[in-house]
């Protein structure tokens, strides 16, 4: 009778040990399952994050593309084409597009925001905020884009500092003074992104190459109808040997001048 009780007690202990072992194994299995599930989620989220990142990168590239374009209504004075996105981009491609700021016409102080949707079903789109503002002789372009895919989002920020051409002097290229039949024909190509002040383009004539000598005469150069950037004028040659330099200003009164050059054929 006592032996039977001992066997029953041993069987109960064995059953209890089996229960604890099974519980431990089950805990390990559940723990590993949780880890694996989380790993699978991380792998899936990594793929979604990559897609969202490329969405943000696409927004940056799109904004840079428009930034390099000229604004048709202001062809001579814009610092960047980014402010014209709302006009040049199709409404379906640039949804909720807004351009606002102190100077969006010439794009020197402006903020532009828009949204581009690629796939509504998968929540695939990007939102862009581009801000341009002056910084001394430069203008800064700050592009912030957030890309979305399903429940994941990634952001990219890009900052660019470009030389503000509005503060540059006009470029005076190919200056020439040619004597023929008693007249000197003076010409030059005058280029400025802000637009040349047509009343400022003048040829200064001196009888020496000394910068301290006064001008003998000043001739206004004009832009002939149908001609782009090439200004010209005439001067009646007087006795002597003369040098010429051409000076021009843009609409913001930034001025530049050519080198001093002799009259050819005098």
C-alpha atoms as a PDB file:
ATOM      1  CA  UNK A   1       0.000   0.000   0.000  1.00  0.00           C
ATOM      2  CA  UNK A   2       2.876   2.349   0.897  1.00  0.00           C
ATOM      3  CA  UNK A   3       4.673   1.440  -2.323  1.00  0.00           C
ATOM      4  CA  UNK A   4       1.608   2.343  -4.366  1.00  0.00           C
ATOM      5  CA  UNK A   5       1.460   5.770  -2.660  1.00  0.00           C
ATOM      6  CA  UNK A   6       5.152   6.376  -3.458  1.00  0.00           C
ATOM      7  CA  UNK A   7       4.532   5.530  -7.128  1.00  0.00           C
ATOM      8  CA  UNK A   8       1.539   7.871  -7.213  1.00  0.00           C
ATOM      9  CA  UNK A   9       3.624  10.708  -5.693  1.00  0.00           C
ATOM     10  CA  UNK A  10       6.434  10.131  -8.183  1.00  0.00           C
ATOM     11  CA  UNK A  11       3.952  10.180 -11.050  1.00  0.00           C
ATOM     12  CA  UNK A  12       2.538  13.488  -9.789  1.00  0.00           C
ATOM     13  CA  UNK A  13       6.028  14.991  -9.537  1.00  0.00           C
ATOM     14  CA  UNK A  14       6.888  13.779 -13.055  1.00  0.00           C
ATOM     15  CA  UNK A  15       3.681  15.286 -14.406  1.00  0.00           C
ATOM     16  CA  UNK A  16       4.483  18.583 -12.697  1.00  0.00           C
ATOM     17  CA  UNK A  17       8.010  18.572 -14.138  1.00  0.00           C
ATOM     18  CA  UNK A  18       6.625  17.858 -17.599  1.00  0.00           C
ATOM     19  CA  UNK A  19       4.211  20.756 -17.158  1.00  0.00           C
ATOM     20  CA  UNK A  20       7.013  23.162 -16.210  1.00  0.00           C
ATOM     21  CA  UNK A  21       9.225  21.936 -19.079  1.00  0.00           C
ATOM     22  CA  UNK A  22       6.392  22.337 -21.565  1.00  0.00           C
ATOM     23  CA  UNK A  23       5.659  25.801 -20.177  1.00  0.00           C
ATOM     24  CA  UNK A  24       9.306  26.782 -20.571  1.00  0.00           C
ATOM     25  CA  UNK A  25       9.420  25.443 -24.136  1.00  0.00           C
ATOM     26  CA  UNK A  26       6.187  27.233 -24.979  1.00  0.00           C
ATOM     27  CA  UNK A  27       7.567  30.478 -23.523  1.00  0.00           C
ATOM     28  CA  UNK A  28      10.715  30.132 -25.636  1.00  0.00           C
ATOM     29  CA  UNK A  29       8.665  29.391 -28.767  1.00  0.00           C
ATOM     30  CA  UNK A  30       6.360  32.352 -28.121  1.00  0.00           C
ATOM     31  CA  UNK A  31       9.336  34.601 -27.477  1.00  0.00           C
ATOM     32  CA  UNK A  32      11.023  33.520 -30.693  1.00  0.00           C
ATOM     33  CA  UNK A  33       7.758  33.967 -32.570  1.00  0.00           C
ATOM     34  CA  UNK A  34       7.423  37.508 -31.254  1.00  0.00           C
ATOM     35  CA  UNK A  35      10.987  38.293 -32.283  1.00  0.00           C
ATOM     36  CA  UNK A  36      10.448  36.821 -35.758  1.00  0.00           C
ATOM     37  CA  UNK A  37       7.188  38.691 -36.230  1.00  0.00           C
ATOM     38  CA  UNK A  38       8.887  41.950 -35.253  1.00  0.00           C
ATOM     39  CA  UNK A  39      11.751  41.171 -37.616  1.00  0.00           C
ATOM     40  CA  UNK A  40       9.312  40.536 -40.441  1.00  0.00           C
ATOM     41  CA  UNK A  41       7.616  43.835 -39.665  1.00  0.00           C
ATOM     42  CA  UNK A  42      10.985  45.611 -39.671  1.00  0.00           C
ATOM     43  CA  UNK A  43      11.860  44.079 -43.044  1.00  0.00           C
ATOM     44  CA  UNK A  44       8.516  45.107 -44.471  1.00  0.00           C
ATOM     45  CA  UNK A  45       8.831  48.610 -42.987  1.00  0.00           C
ATOM     46  CA  UNK A  46      12.339  48.862 -44.411  1.00  0.00           C
ATOM     47  CA  UNK A  47      10.917  48.312 -47.884  1.00  0.00           C
ATOM     48  CA  UNK A  48       8.163  50.855 -47.251  1.00  0.00           C
ATOM     49  CA  UNK A  49      10.712  53.325 -45.863  1.00  0.00           C
ATOM     50  CA  UNK A  50      12.836  52.962 -48.985  1.00  0.00           C
ATOM     51  CA  UNK A  51       9.838  53.709 -51.203  1.00  0.00           C
ATOM     52  CA  UNK A  52       8.937  56.727 -49.038  1.00  0.00           C
ATOM     53  CA  UNK A  53      12.533  57.954 -49.226  1.00  0.00           C
ATOM     54  CA  UNK A  54      12.545  57.740 -53.015  1.00  0.00           C
ATOM     55  CA  UNK A  55       9.270  59.647 -53.022  1.00  0.00           C
ATOM     56  CA  UNK A  56      10.941  62.455 -51.062  1.00  0.00           C
ATOM     57  CA  UNK A  57      13.938  62.353 -53.411  1.00  0.00           C
ATOM     58  CA  UNK A  58      11.592  62.658 -56.406  1.00  0.00           C
ATOM     59  CA  UNK A  59      10.121  65.799 -54.841  1.00  0.00           C
ATOM     60  CA  UNK A  60      13.588  67.335 -54.491  1.00  0.00           C
ATOM     61  CA  UNK A  61      14.478  66.538 -58.107  1.00  0.00           C
ATOM     62  CA  UNK A  62      11.168  67.909 -59.356  1.00  0.00           C
ATOM     63  CA  UNK A  63      11.652  71.173 -57.478  1.00  0.00           C
ATOM     64  CA  UNK A  64      15.237  71.524 -58.737  1.00  0.00           C
ATOM     65  CA  UNK A  65      13.991  70.994 -62.292  1.00  0.00           C
ATOM     66  CA  UNK A  66      11.547  73.886 -62.016  1.00  0.00           C
ATOM     67  CA  UNK A  67      14.141  75.980 -60.211  1.00  0.00           C
ATOM     68  CA  UNK A  68      16.324  75.891 -63.324  1.00  0.00           C
ATOM     69  CA  UNK A  69      13.510  77.086 -65.595  1.00  0.00           C
ATOM     70  CA  UNK A  70      12.969  80.704 -66.572  1.00  0.00           C
ATOM     71  CA  UNK A  71       9.729  82.468 -65.722  1.00  0.00           C
ATOM     72  CA  UNK A  72       8.259  83.521 -69.093  1.00  0.00           C
ATOM     73  CA  UNK A  73       6.615  86.691 -67.797  1.00  0.00           C
ATOM     74  CA  UNK A  74       9.879  87.851 -66.162  1.00  0.00           C
ATOM     75  CA  UNK A  75      12.589  86.544 -68.499  1.00  0.00           C
ATOM     76  CA  UNK A  76      15.285  89.037 -67.515  1.00  0.00           C
ATOM     77  CA  UNK A  77      15.061  89.343 -63.763  1.00  0.00           C
ATOM     78  CA  UNK A  78      14.314  86.132 -61.951  1.00  0.00           C
ATOM     79  CA  UNK A  79      16.700  84.587 -59.467  1.00  0.00           C
ATOM     80  CA  UNK A  80      15.070  81.153 -59.793  1.00  0.00           C
ATOM     81  CA  UNK A  81      12.186  79.485 -61.593  1.00  0.00           C
ATOM     82  CA  UNK A  82      10.962  77.744 -58.452  1.00  0.00           C
ATOM     83  CA  UNK A  83       8.431  80.522 -57.805  1.00  0.00           C
ATOM     84  CA  UNK A  84       6.674  79.742 -61.076  1.00  0.00           C
ATOM     85  CA  UNK A  85       5.873  76.112 -60.251  1.00  0.00           C
ATOM     86  CA  UNK A  86       2.197  76.881 -59.669  1.00  0.00           C
ATOM     87  CA  UNK A  87       1.949  78.305 -63.204  1.00  0.00           C
ATOM     88  CA  UNK A  88       4.161  75.908 -65.137  1.00  0.00           C
ATOM     89  CA  UNK A  89       3.206  72.636 -63.405  1.00  0.00           C
ATOM     90  CA  UNK A  90      -0.114  70.994 -64.249  1.00  0.00           C
ATOM     91  CA  UNK A  91      -2.662  71.256 -61.406  1.00  0.00           C
ATOM     92  CA  UNK A  92      -2.963  67.466 -61.279  1.00  0.00           C
ATOM     93  CA  UNK A  93       0.810  67.152 -60.808  1.00  0.00           C
ATOM     94  CA  UNK A  94       1.191  69.990 -58.306  1.00  0.00           C
ATOM     95  CA  UNK A  95      -1.916  69.924 -56.148  1.00  0.00           C
ATOM     96  CA  UNK A  96      -2.751  72.677 -53.649  1.00  0.00           C
ATOM     97  CA  UNK A  97       0.110  74.751 -55.060  1.00  0.00           C
ATOM     98  CA  UNK A  98       0.641  78.089 -53.299  1.00  0.00           C
ATOM     99  CA  UNK A  99       3.364  80.732 -53.842  1.00  0.00           C
ATOM    100  CA  UNK A 100       3.521  83.544 -51.304  1.00  0.00           C
ATOM    101  CA  UNK A 101       6.104  85.983 -50.018  1.00  0.00           C
ATOM    102  CA  UNK A 102       7.570  89.461 -50.367  1.00  0.00           C
ATOM    103  CA  UNK A 103       8.987  88.954 -53.869  1.00  0.00           C
ATOM    104  CA  UNK A 104       7.628  85.973 -55.777  1.00  0.00           C
ATOM    105  CA  UNK A 105       7.657  87.772 -59.142  1.00  0.00           C
ATOM    106  CA  UNK A 106      11.430  87.952 -59.289  1.00  0.00           C
ATOM    107  CA  UNK A 107      11.733  84.999 -56.925  1.00  0.00           C
ATOM    108  CA  UNK A 108      14.084  86.480 -54.362  1.00  0.00           C
ATOM    109  CA  UNK A 109      11.923  86.094 -51.262  1.00  0.00           C
ATOM    110  CA  UNK A 110       9.177  83.539 -51.682  1.00  0.00           C
ATOM    111  CA  UNK A 111       7.733  80.322 -50.284  1.00  0.00           C
ATOM    112  CA  UNK A 112       6.165  77.668 -52.527  1.00  0.00           C
ATOM    113  CA  UNK A 113       4.306  74.551 -51.390  1.00  0.00           C
ATOM    114  CA  UNK A 114       2.631  71.805 -53.393  1.00  0.00           C
ATOM    115  CA  UNK A 115       1.657  68.136 -53.266  1.00  0.00           C
ATOM    116  CA  UNK A 116       2.132  65.413 -55.876  1.00  0.00           C
ATOM    117  CA  UNK A 117       0.083  62.211 -55.623  1.00  0.00           C
ATOM    118  CA  UNK A 118       1.341  59.106 -57.439  1.00  0.00           C
ATOM    119  CA  UNK A 119      -0.909  56.314 -56.117  1.00  0.00           C
ATOM    120  CA  UNK A 120      -3.943  57.080 -53.965  1.00  0.00           C
ATOM    121  CA  UNK A 121      -4.639  53.439 -53.094  1.00  0.00           C
ATOM    122  CA  UNK A 122      -1.183  52.907 -51.582  1.00  0.00           C
ATOM    123  CA  UNK A 123      -0.980  56.411 -50.098  1.00  0.00           C
ATOM    124  CA  UNK A 124       2.029  57.157 -52.328  1.00  0.00           C
ATOM    125  CA  UNK A 125       2.740  60.888 -52.575  1.00  0.00           C
ATOM    126  CA  UNK A 126       5.105  63.672 -51.518  1.00  0.00           C
ATOM    127  CA  UNK A 127       4.662  67.155 -50.080  1.00  0.00           C
ATOM    128  CA  UNK A 128       7.128  69.913 -50.920  1.00  0.00           C
ATOM    129  CA  UNK A 129       7.991  73.239 -49.327  1.00  0.00           C
ATOM    130  CA  UNK A 130      10.553  75.359 -51.197  1.00  0.00           C
ATOM    131  CA  UNK A 131      11.734  78.634 -49.658  1.00  0.00           C
ATOM    132  CA  UNK A 132      13.989  81.141 -51.382  1.00  0.00           C
ATOM    133  CA  UNK A 133      15.425  84.149 -49.568  1.00  0.00           C
ATOM    134  CA  UNK A 134      18.308  86.617 -50.037  1.00  0.00           C
ATOM    135  CA  UNK A 135      21.555  86.264 -48.135  1.00  0.00           C
ATOM    136  CA  UNK A 136      23.961  89.066 -48.967  1.00  0.00           C
ATOM    137  CA  UNK A 137      25.185  88.649 -52.538  1.00  0.00           C
ATOM    138  CA  UNK A 138      23.597  85.203 -52.596  1.00  0.00           C
ATOM    139  CA  UNK A 139      20.112  83.764 -52.450  1.00  0.00           C
ATOM    140  CA  UNK A 140      19.420  80.601 -50.486  1.00  0.00           C
ATOM    141  CA  UNK A 141      17.063  77.919 -51.723  1.00  0.00           C
ATOM    142  CA  UNK A 142      15.756  75.581 -49.027  1.00  0.00           C
ATOM    143  CA  UNK A 143      13.843  72.511 -50.241  1.00  0.00           C
ATOM    144  CA  UNK A 144      12.025  70.324 -47.704  1.00  0.00           C
ATOM    145  CA  UNK A 145      10.181  67.277 -49.022  1.00  0.00           C
ATOM    146  CA  UNK A 146       8.295  64.574 -47.135  1.00  0.00           C
ATOM    147  CA  UNK A 147       7.578  61.327 -48.974  1.00  0.00           C
ATOM    148  CA  UNK A 148       4.769  58.953 -47.981  1.00  0.00           C
ATOM    149  CA  UNK A 149       4.064  55.287 -48.727  1.00  0.00           C
ATOM    150  CA  UNK A 150       1.291  53.396 -46.946  1.00  0.00           C
ATOM    151  CA  UNK A 151       1.884  54.145 -43.223  1.00  0.00           C
ATOM    152  CA  UNK A 152       5.526  55.219 -43.604  1.00  0.00           C
ATOM    153  CA  UNK A 153       7.053  58.621 -44.269  1.00  0.00           C
ATOM    154  CA  UNK A 154      10.581  59.880 -44.852  1.00  0.00           C
ATOM    155  CA  UNK A 155      11.883  63.452 -45.219  1.00  0.00           C
ATOM    156  CA  UNK A 156      14.739  65.119 -47.121  1.00  0.00           C
ATOM    157  CA  UNK A 157      16.015  68.676 -46.688  1.00  0.00           C
ATOM    158  CA  UNK A 158      18.323  70.344 -49.212  1.00  0.00           C
ATOM    159  CA  UNK A 159      19.867  73.810 -48.923  1.00  0.00           C
ATOM    160  CA  UNK A 160      21.542  75.578 -51.837  1.00  0.00           C
ATOM    161  CA  UNK A 161      23.353  78.917 -51.879  1.00  0.00           C
ATOM    162  CA  UNK A 162      23.575  80.451 -55.360  1.00  0.00           C
ATOM    163  CA  UNK A 163      25.152  83.665 -56.531  1.00  0.00           C
ATOM    164  CA  UNK A 164      22.444  86.286 -56.809  1.00  0.00           C
ATOM    165  CA  UNK A 165      22.879  87.483 -60.374  1.00  0.00           C
ATOM    166  CA  UNK A 166      20.708  90.494 -59.611  1.00  0.00           C
ATOM    167  CA  UNK A 167      23.667  91.994 -57.746  1.00  0.00           C
ATOM    168  CA  UNK A 168      26.056  91.406 -60.663  1.00  0.00           C
ATOM    169  CA  UNK A 169      27.125  94.036 -63.152  1.00  0.00           C
ATOM    170  CA  UNK A 170      26.115  93.804 -66.802  1.00  0.00           C
ATOM    171  CA  UNK A 171      28.332  91.728 -69.069  1.00  0.00           C
ATOM    172  CA  UNK A 172      29.756  93.777 -71.951  1.00  0.00           C
ATOM    173  CA  UNK A 173      31.071  91.468 -74.642  1.00  0.00           C
ATOM    174  CA  UNK A 174      32.625  92.024 -78.089  1.00  0.00           C
ATOM    175  CA  UNK A 175      33.173  95.797 -77.789  1.00  0.00           C
ATOM    176  CA  UNK A 176      34.230  97.272 -81.119  1.00  0.00           C
ATOM    177  CA  UNK A 177      34.828 100.726 -82.660  1.00  0.00           C
ATOM    178  CA  UNK A 178      35.358 100.662 -86.423  1.00  0.00           C
ATOM    179  CA  UNK A 179      36.157 103.769 -88.504  1.00  0.00           C
ATOM    180  CA  UNK A 180      34.708 103.961 -92.008  1.00  0.00           C
ATOM    181  CA  UNK A 181      33.802 106.841 -94.334  1.00  0.00           C
ATOM    182  CA  UNK A 182      34.214 109.533 -91.712  1.00  0.00           C
ATOM    183  CA  UNK A 183      32.143 107.771 -89.049  1.00  0.00           C
ATOM    184  CA  UNK A 184      33.084 105.487 -86.191  1.00  0.00           C
ATOM    185  CA  UNK A 185      30.608 102.642 -85.660  1.00  0.00           C
ATOM    186  CA  UNK A 186      30.684 101.577 -82.016  1.00  0.00           C
ATOM    187  CA  UNK A 187      28.983  98.346 -80.887  1.00  0.00           C
ATOM    188  CA  UNK A 188      28.897  95.809 -78.053  1.00  0.00           C
ATOM    189  CA  UNK A 189      26.773  92.984 -76.678  1.00  0.00           C
ATOM    190  CA  UNK A 190      25.326  93.999 -73.305  1.00  0.00           C
ATOM    191  CA  UNK A 191      23.734  91.256 -71.196  1.00  0.00           C
ATOM    192  CA  UNK A 192      22.225  91.327 -67.719  1.00  0.00           C
ATOM    193  CA  UNK A 193      19.767  88.922 -66.083  1.00  0.00           C
ATOM    194  CA  UNK A 194      17.809  91.795 -64.517  1.00  0.00           C
ATOM    195  CA  UNK A 195      17.488  93.676 -67.767  1.00  0.00           C
ATOM    196  CA  UNK A 196      19.670  96.403 -69.188  1.00  0.00           C
ATOM    197  CA  UNK A 197      18.688 100.027 -68.678  1.00  0.00           C
ATOM    198  CA  UNK A 198      18.682 101.158 -72.330  1.00  0.00           C
ATOM    199  CA  UNK A 199      19.428 104.787 -71.424  1.00  0.00           C
ATOM    200  CA  UNK A 200      22.601 103.770 -69.598  1.00  0.00           C
ATOM    201  CA  UNK A 201      24.474 102.170 -72.505  1.00  0.00           C
ATOM    202  CA  UNK A 202      27.084 104.734 -73.565  1.00  0.00           C
ATOM    203  CA  UNK A 203      30.408 104.792 -75.333  1.00  0.00           C
ATOM    204  CA  UNK A 204      32.939 107.043 -73.598  1.00  0.00           C
ATOM    205  CA  UNK A 205      35.608 108.427 -75.927  1.00  0.00           C
ATOM    206  CA  UNK A 206      39.025 109.604 -74.736  1.00  0.00           C
ATOM    207  CA  UNK A 207      42.180 110.683 -76.465  1.00  0.00           C
ATOM    208  CA  UNK A 208      44.358 108.455 -74.264  1.00  0.00           C
ATOM    209  CA  UNK A 209      44.261 105.206 -72.339  1.00  0.00           C
ATOM    210  CA  UNK A 210      44.799 107.030 -69.054  1.00  0.00           C
ATOM    211  CA  UNK A 211      41.833 106.389 -66.723  1.00  0.00           C
ATOM    212  CA  UNK A 212      42.337 109.819 -65.138  1.00  0.00           C
ATOM    213  CA  UNK A 213      41.827 111.715 -68.396  1.00  0.00           C
ATOM    214  CA  UNK A 214      38.385 113.194 -69.026  1.00  0.00           C
ATOM    215  CA  UNK A 215      36.048 112.050 -71.769  1.00  0.00           C
ATOM    216  CA  UNK A 216      36.271 113.829 -75.081  1.00  0.00           C
ATOM    217  CA  UNK A 217      32.739 112.803 -75.981  1.00  0.00           C
ATOM    218  CA  UNK A 218      29.961 110.426 -74.972  1.00  0.00           C
ATOM    219  CA  UNK A 219      27.799 108.514 -77.438  1.00  0.00           C
ATOM    220  CA  UNK A 220      24.532 106.794 -76.567  1.00  0.00           C
ATOM    221  CA  UNK A 221      24.263 103.276 -77.960  1.00  0.00           C
ATOM    222  CA  UNK A 222      20.848 101.951 -78.895  1.00  0.00           C
ATOM    223  CA  UNK A 223      19.386  98.513 -79.394  1.00  0.00           C
ATOM    224  CA  UNK A 224      18.151  98.230 -82.996  1.00  0.00           C
ATOM    225  CA  UNK A 225      14.664  96.828 -83.471  1.00  0.00           C
ATOM    226  CA  UNK A 226      14.654  93.071 -83.882  1.00  0.00           C
ATOM    227  CA  UNK A 227      18.186  92.715 -82.498  1.00  0.00           C
ATOM    228  CA  UNK A 228      18.866  91.039 -79.159  1.00  0.00           C
ATOM    229  CA  UNK A 229      21.572  92.322 -76.760  1.00  0.00           C
ATOM    230  CA  UNK A 230      23.675  94.062 -79.458  1.00  0.00           C
ATOM    231  CA  UNK A 231      23.844  97.840 -78.968  1.00  0.00           C
ATOM    232  CA  UNK A 232      25.323 100.235 -81.541  1.00  0.00           C
ATOM    233  CA  UNK A 233      25.915 103.917 -82.252  1.00  0.00           C
ATOM    234  CA  UNK A 234      28.036 106.236 -84.394  1.00  0.00           C
ATOM    235  CA  UNK A 235      30.509 109.040 -83.726  1.00  0.00           C
ATOM    236  CA  UNK A 236      32.075 111.558 -86.098  1.00  0.00           C
ATOM    237  CA  UNK A 237      35.812 111.052 -85.920  1.00  0.00           C
ATOM    238  CA  UNK A 238      37.837 114.138 -85.056  1.00  0.00           C
ATOM    239  CA  UNK A 239      41.521 114.698 -85.587  1.00  0.00           C
ATOM    240  CA  UNK A 240      43.616 112.637 -83.216  1.00  0.00           C
ATOM    241  CA  UNK A 241      43.969 109.143 -81.821  1.00  0.00           C
ATOM    242  CA  UNK A 242      41.169 107.920 -79.555  1.00  0.00           C
ATOM    243  CA  UNK A 243      40.268 105.161 -77.154  1.00  0.00           C
ATOM    244  CA  UNK A 244      36.770 103.967 -76.309  1.00  0.00           C
ATOM    245  CA  UNK A 245      35.181 102.157 -73.390  1.00  0.00           C
ATOM    246  CA  UNK A 246      31.517 101.219 -73.025  1.00  0.00           C
ATOM    247  CA  UNK A 247      29.574 101.542 -69.812  1.00  0.00           C
ATOM    248  CA  UNK A 248      26.101 100.134 -69.037  1.00  0.00           C
ATOM    249  CA  UNK A 249      23.834  99.609 -66.015  1.00  0.00           C
ATOM    250  CA  UNK A 250      20.976  97.278 -65.238  1.00  0.00           C
ATOM    251  CA  UNK A 251      17.546  98.232 -63.942  1.00  0.00           C
ATOM    252  CA  UNK A 252      18.869  98.064 -60.342  1.00  0.00           C
ATOM    253  CA  UNK A 253      21.675 100.507 -61.170  1.00  0.00           C
ATOM    254  CA  UNK A 254      24.415  97.878 -61.044  1.00  0.00           C
ATOM    255  CA  UNK A 255      26.919  99.174 -63.588  1.00  0.00           C
ATOM    256  CA  UNK A 256      29.794  97.678 -65.501  1.00  0.00           C
ATOM    257  CA  UNK A 257      32.208  98.788 -68.169  1.00  0.00           C
ATOM    258  CA  UNK A 258      34.326  97.258 -70.895  1.00  0.00           C
ATOM    259  CA  UNK A 259      38.062  97.450 -71.295  1.00  0.00           C
ATOM    260  CA  UNK A 260      39.430 100.535 -73.073  1.00  0.00           C
ATOM    261  CA  UNK A 261      40.142  99.785 -76.710  1.00  0.00           C
ATOM    262  CA  UNK A 262      41.376 101.834 -79.683  1.00  0.00           C
ATOM    263  CA  UNK A 263      39.298 102.758 -82.697  1.00  0.00           C
ATOM    264  CA  UNK A 264      40.125 100.383 -85.533  1.00  0.00           C
ATOM    265  CA  UNK A 265      41.068 102.032 -88.828  1.00  0.00           C
ATOM    266  CA  UNK A 266      41.685 105.526 -87.462  1.00  0.00           C
END
